[in-house]
Protein backbone atom coordinates (compact mmCIF):
# COMPACT_ATOMS: atom_id res chain seq x y z
CA MET A 1 0.00 0.00 0.00
CA LEU A 2 1.11 3.55 -0.79
CA THR A 3 4.37 2.23 -2.21
CA HIS A 4 4.72 5.10 -4.69
CA VAL A 5 4.05 8.09 -2.45
CA TRP A 6 7.61 8.74 -1.34
CA GLY A 7 9.01 8.05 -4.81
CA LEU A 8 6.65 10.52 -6.50
CA LEU A 9 7.70 13.24 -4.08
CA THR A 10 11.46 12.59 -4.15
CA HIS A 11 12.35 11.04 -7.54
CA PRO A 12 9.25 11.24 -9.77
CA LYS A 13 10.95 10.32 -13.06
CA THR A 14 12.12 6.97 -11.71
CA GLU A 15 8.82 6.39 -9.95
CA TRP A 16 6.83 6.94 -13.14
CA GLU A 17 8.87 4.15 -14.69
CA HIS A 18 8.07 1.81 -11.81
CA ILE A 19 4.37 2.65 -12.00
CA GLU A 20 4.31 2.04 -15.76
CA GLU A 21 5.99 -1.36 -15.38
CA GLU A 22 3.30 -2.58 -12.98
CA HIS A 23 0.39 -2.37 -15.48
CA GLU A 24 -1.90 -1.55 -12.59
CA SER A 25 -5.69 -1.72 -12.78
CA VAL A 26 -8.00 1.10 -11.70
CA ARG A 27 -9.41 -1.16 -8.98
CA HIS A 28 -5.93 -1.75 -7.59
CA LEU A 29 -5.15 1.97 -7.77
CA TYR A 30 -8.21 2.83 -5.71
CA ALA A 31 -7.78 -0.02 -3.23
CA HIS A 32 -4.09 0.65 -2.53
CA HIS A 33 -3.72 4.38 -3.11
CA VAL A 34 -6.70 6.63 -3.76
CA LEU A 35 -9.12 5.30 -1.13
CA ILE A 36 -6.45 5.62 1.54
CA LEU A 37 -4.98 9.00 0.61
CA ALA A 38 -8.38 10.56 -0.09
CA ALA A 39 -9.24 9.87 3.54
CA VAL A 40 -6.39 12.14 4.71
CA PRO A 41 -8.13 15.50 4.08
CA VAL A 42 -11.50 14.06 5.17
CA ILE A 43 -10.30 12.74 8.53
CA SER A 44 -8.18 15.84 9.10
CA ALA A 45 -11.13 18.14 8.39
CA PHE A 46 -13.39 16.05 10.64
CA ILE A 47 -10.96 16.40 13.54
CA GLY A 48 -10.30 20.07 12.92
CA THR A 49 -13.94 21.01 12.42
CA THR A 50 -15.23 19.21 15.51
CA GLN A 51 -12.37 19.94 17.91
CA ILE A 52 -11.12 23.38 16.87
CA GLY A 53 -13.40 24.88 14.22
CA TRP A 54 -12.61 26.81 11.06
CA GLY A 55 -11.25 30.27 11.59
CA PHE A 56 -8.78 32.92 10.46
CA GLY A 57 -6.52 32.69 13.50
CA GLY A 58 -8.53 34.72 15.96
CA SER A 59 -9.74 33.59 19.35
CA GLN A 60 -13.16 32.43 18.13
CA PRO A 61 -13.75 30.01 15.21
CA PHE A 62 -16.59 30.88 12.86
CA ILE A 63 -17.48 27.29 11.93
CA LYS A 64 -17.60 24.34 14.32
CA LEU A 65 -19.74 21.27 13.69
CA ASP A 66 -21.08 18.54 15.92
CA TYR A 67 -19.93 14.97 15.28
CA LEU A 68 -22.95 13.87 13.23
CA SER A 69 -22.89 16.86 10.90
CA ALA A 70 -19.12 16.58 10.46
CA PHE A 71 -19.45 12.84 9.75
CA LEU A 72 -22.08 13.41 7.06
CA ALA A 73 -20.04 16.24 5.56
CA GLY A 74 -17.00 13.97 5.55
CA ILE A 75 -18.86 11.24 3.64
CA ALA A 76 -20.00 13.72 1.00
CA PHE A 77 -16.52 15.25 0.77
CA TYR A 78 -14.91 11.80 0.41
CA ILE A 79 -17.26 10.83 -2.42
CA ALA A 80 -16.54 14.14 -4.17
CA ILE A 81 -12.78 13.52 -3.99
CA LEU A 82 -13.09 10.00 -5.42
CA ALA A 83 -15.28 11.27 -8.25
CA ALA A 84 -12.85 14.12 -9.00
CA VAL A 85 -10.03 11.64 -9.72
CA ILE A 86 -12.22 9.83 -12.28
CA LEU A 87 -13.26 13.18 -13.78
CA VAL A 88 -9.70 14.41 -14.25
CA GLY A 89 -8.73 11.03 -15.71
CA HIS A 90 -11.48 11.31 -18.33
CA VAL A 91 -10.42 14.88 -19.10
CA ILE A 92 -6.90 13.62 -19.82
CA ARG A 93 -8.35 10.86 -21.99
CA THR A 94 -10.47 13.34 -23.95
CA MET A 95 -7.54 15.68 -24.53
CA ALA A 96 -5.30 12.82 -25.69
CA LYS A 97 -7.78 11.33 -28.18
CA ARG A 98 -6.55 13.66 -30.90
CA PHE A 99 -3.10 12.08 -30.93
CA ARG A 100 -1.85 9.16 -32.98
CA LYS A 101 -1.76 6.63 -30.15
CA PRO A 102 -4.15 7.86 -27.46
CA PRO A 103 -3.78 6.24 -24.03
CA SER A 104 -6.53 4.03 -22.62
CA SER A 105 -9.02 5.30 -20.07
CA ARG A 106 -7.39 3.01 -17.50
CA ARG A 107 -3.98 4.64 -17.93
CA CYS A 108 -5.49 8.12 -17.75
CA VAL A 109 -7.38 7.46 -14.52
CA ILE A 110 -4.34 5.81 -12.95
CA PHE A 111 -2.22 8.80 -13.96
CA ALA A 112 -4.79 11.19 -12.46
CA GLY A 113 -4.82 9.21 -9.21
CA TYR A 114 -1.08 9.48 -8.80
CA ILE A 115 -0.70 13.15 -9.73
CA ALA A 116 -3.31 13.96 -7.07
CA THR A 117 -1.03 12.56 -4.34
CA PRO A 118 0.39 15.96 -3.20
CA MET A 119 -3.11 17.40 -3.06
CA PHE A 120 -4.27 14.55 -0.84
CA LEU A 121 -1.32 15.03 1.53
CA SER A 122 -1.81 18.79 1.73
CA GLY A 123 -5.14 18.06 3.44
CA LEU A 124 -3.26 17.15 6.62
CA VAL A 125 -3.24 20.82 7.63
CA ALA A 126 -7.03 20.72 8.03
CA VAL A 127 -6.37 19.20 11.47
CA TYR A 128 -5.79 22.81 12.49
CA PRO A 129 -8.23 24.46 10.08
CA LEU A 130 -7.05 28.00 9.59
CA VAL A 131 -8.44 29.22 6.28
CA TRP A 132 -5.23 30.91 5.15
CA LEU A 133 -3.11 27.88 6.15
CA CYS A 134 -5.32 25.45 4.24
CA LEU A 135 -5.26 27.70 1.17
CA LEU A 136 -1.46 27.90 1.37
CA ALA A 137 -1.09 24.13 1.72
CA GLY A 138 -3.56 23.57 -1.11
CA THR A 139 -1.61 25.92 -3.37
CA ILE A 140 1.67 24.15 -2.59
CA GLY A 141 0.03 20.76 -3.22
CA LEU A 142 -1.36 22.03 -6.53
CA CYS A 143 2.07 23.26 -7.63
CA ILE A 144 3.68 19.90 -6.85
CA SER A 145 0.86 18.08 -8.65
CA ALA A 146 1.40 20.36 -11.66
CA TYR A 147 5.09 19.44 -11.63
CA LEU A 148 4.26 15.72 -11.57
CA LEU A 149 1.77 16.31 -14.38
CA TYR A 150 4.20 18.12 -16.68
CA LEU A 151 7.00 15.68 -15.88
CA GLY A 152 5.07 12.46 -16.23
CA ILE A 153 2.43 12.93 -18.89
CA PRO A 154 4.65 12.58 -22.02
CA TYR A 155 6.26 9.40 -20.68
CA PHE A 156 3.36 7.78 -18.85
CA LEU A 157 0.81 8.36 -21.61
CA GLY A 158 3.21 7.51 -24.43
CA ILE A 159 3.03 10.84 -26.28
CA SER A 160 5.66 13.36 -27.34
CA SER A 161 6.80 16.27 -25.17
CA GLU A 162 4.99 18.75 -27.44
CA GLU A 163 1.75 16.78 -27.26
CA GLY A 164 2.27 16.32 -23.53
CA PHE A 165 2.57 20.06 -23.03
CA ILE A 166 -0.82 20.63 -24.67
CA VAL A 167 -2.50 17.90 -22.64
CA SER A 168 -0.76 19.02 -19.45
CA SER A 169 -1.81 22.64 -19.85
CA THR A 170 -5.43 21.76 -20.53
CA THR A 171 -5.54 19.19 -17.73
CA LEU A 172 -4.00 21.63 -15.28
CA ALA A 173 -6.56 24.29 -16.22
CA VAL A 174 -9.42 21.83 -15.73
CA GLY A 175 -7.80 20.58 -12.54
CA VAL A 176 -7.75 24.11 -11.15
CA LEU A 177 -11.45 24.46 -11.96
CA VAL A 178 -12.16 21.13 -10.27
CA LEU A 179 -10.14 22.26 -7.25
CA GLU A 180 -12.06 25.54 -7.06
CA ALA A 181 -15.36 23.65 -7.32
CA MET A 182 -14.28 21.28 -4.56
CA LEU A 183 -13.22 24.20 -2.37
CA SER A 184 -16.68 25.71 -2.88
CA VAL A 185 -18.30 22.38 -2.02
CA THR A 186 -16.04 22.12 1.02
CA VAL A 187 -17.11 25.53 2.26
CA ILE A 188 -20.76 24.57 1.83
CA LEU A 189 -20.37 21.14 3.43
CA TRP A 190 -18.25 22.16 6.39
CA GLY A 191 -19.82 25.59 6.77
CA TYR A 192 -23.49 24.78 6.45
CA GLY A 193 -23.39 21.02 6.96
CA GLU A 194 -25.06 21.24 10.36
CA VAL A 195 -28.19 22.55 8.63
CA LEU A 196 -28.10 20.96 5.17
CA LEU A 197 -26.67 17.46 5.55
CA PRO A 198 -29.09 15.94 8.08
CA TRP A 199 -31.92 17.14 5.83
CA LEU A 200 -30.32 15.71 2.65
CA PHE A 201 -29.52 12.33 4.19
CA ARG A 202 -33.17 11.86 5.17
CA PHE A 203 -33.80 11.11 1.49
């Protein structure tokens, strides 16, 4: 489990080669990587939201949820993260279809799952949920993910550097939009979850 995390952060070129040699399935990717790492921001946010509360660093937090509301928000947030990996994978697949030898959907989703690793890990800071700190960590995670994306996409998807640059740029732009959408969902879930989520889960 999580055998590629350290390699992607310290020597990504070599790690991309190892990942490619494994011929991994999407099911294996989720079972041994995505499902585990996606829980990092969820669990961190649950702890931070129930024990400390979201704030800007002042004495009083402006959002603090009870355990049930935070649990329901966490479930919804977790599902959104898992779906986002599939979405980005399909975006990569769509962008690469124009090329001579487009990669399979499996390879694209696996690639998306691994480039999201820094974003997953940046969610650790939600244990102490200062808004500015979480935004800073998210930005750093996004930059590292972008580096993995630009570095790995020509090799991992079997396309040229020029083609990889086009796919990388488009994927990064869509990824930023997905991140912004997820941040908006996060604000709604963790900010208004105490009111909305118990009502939604009744259905």
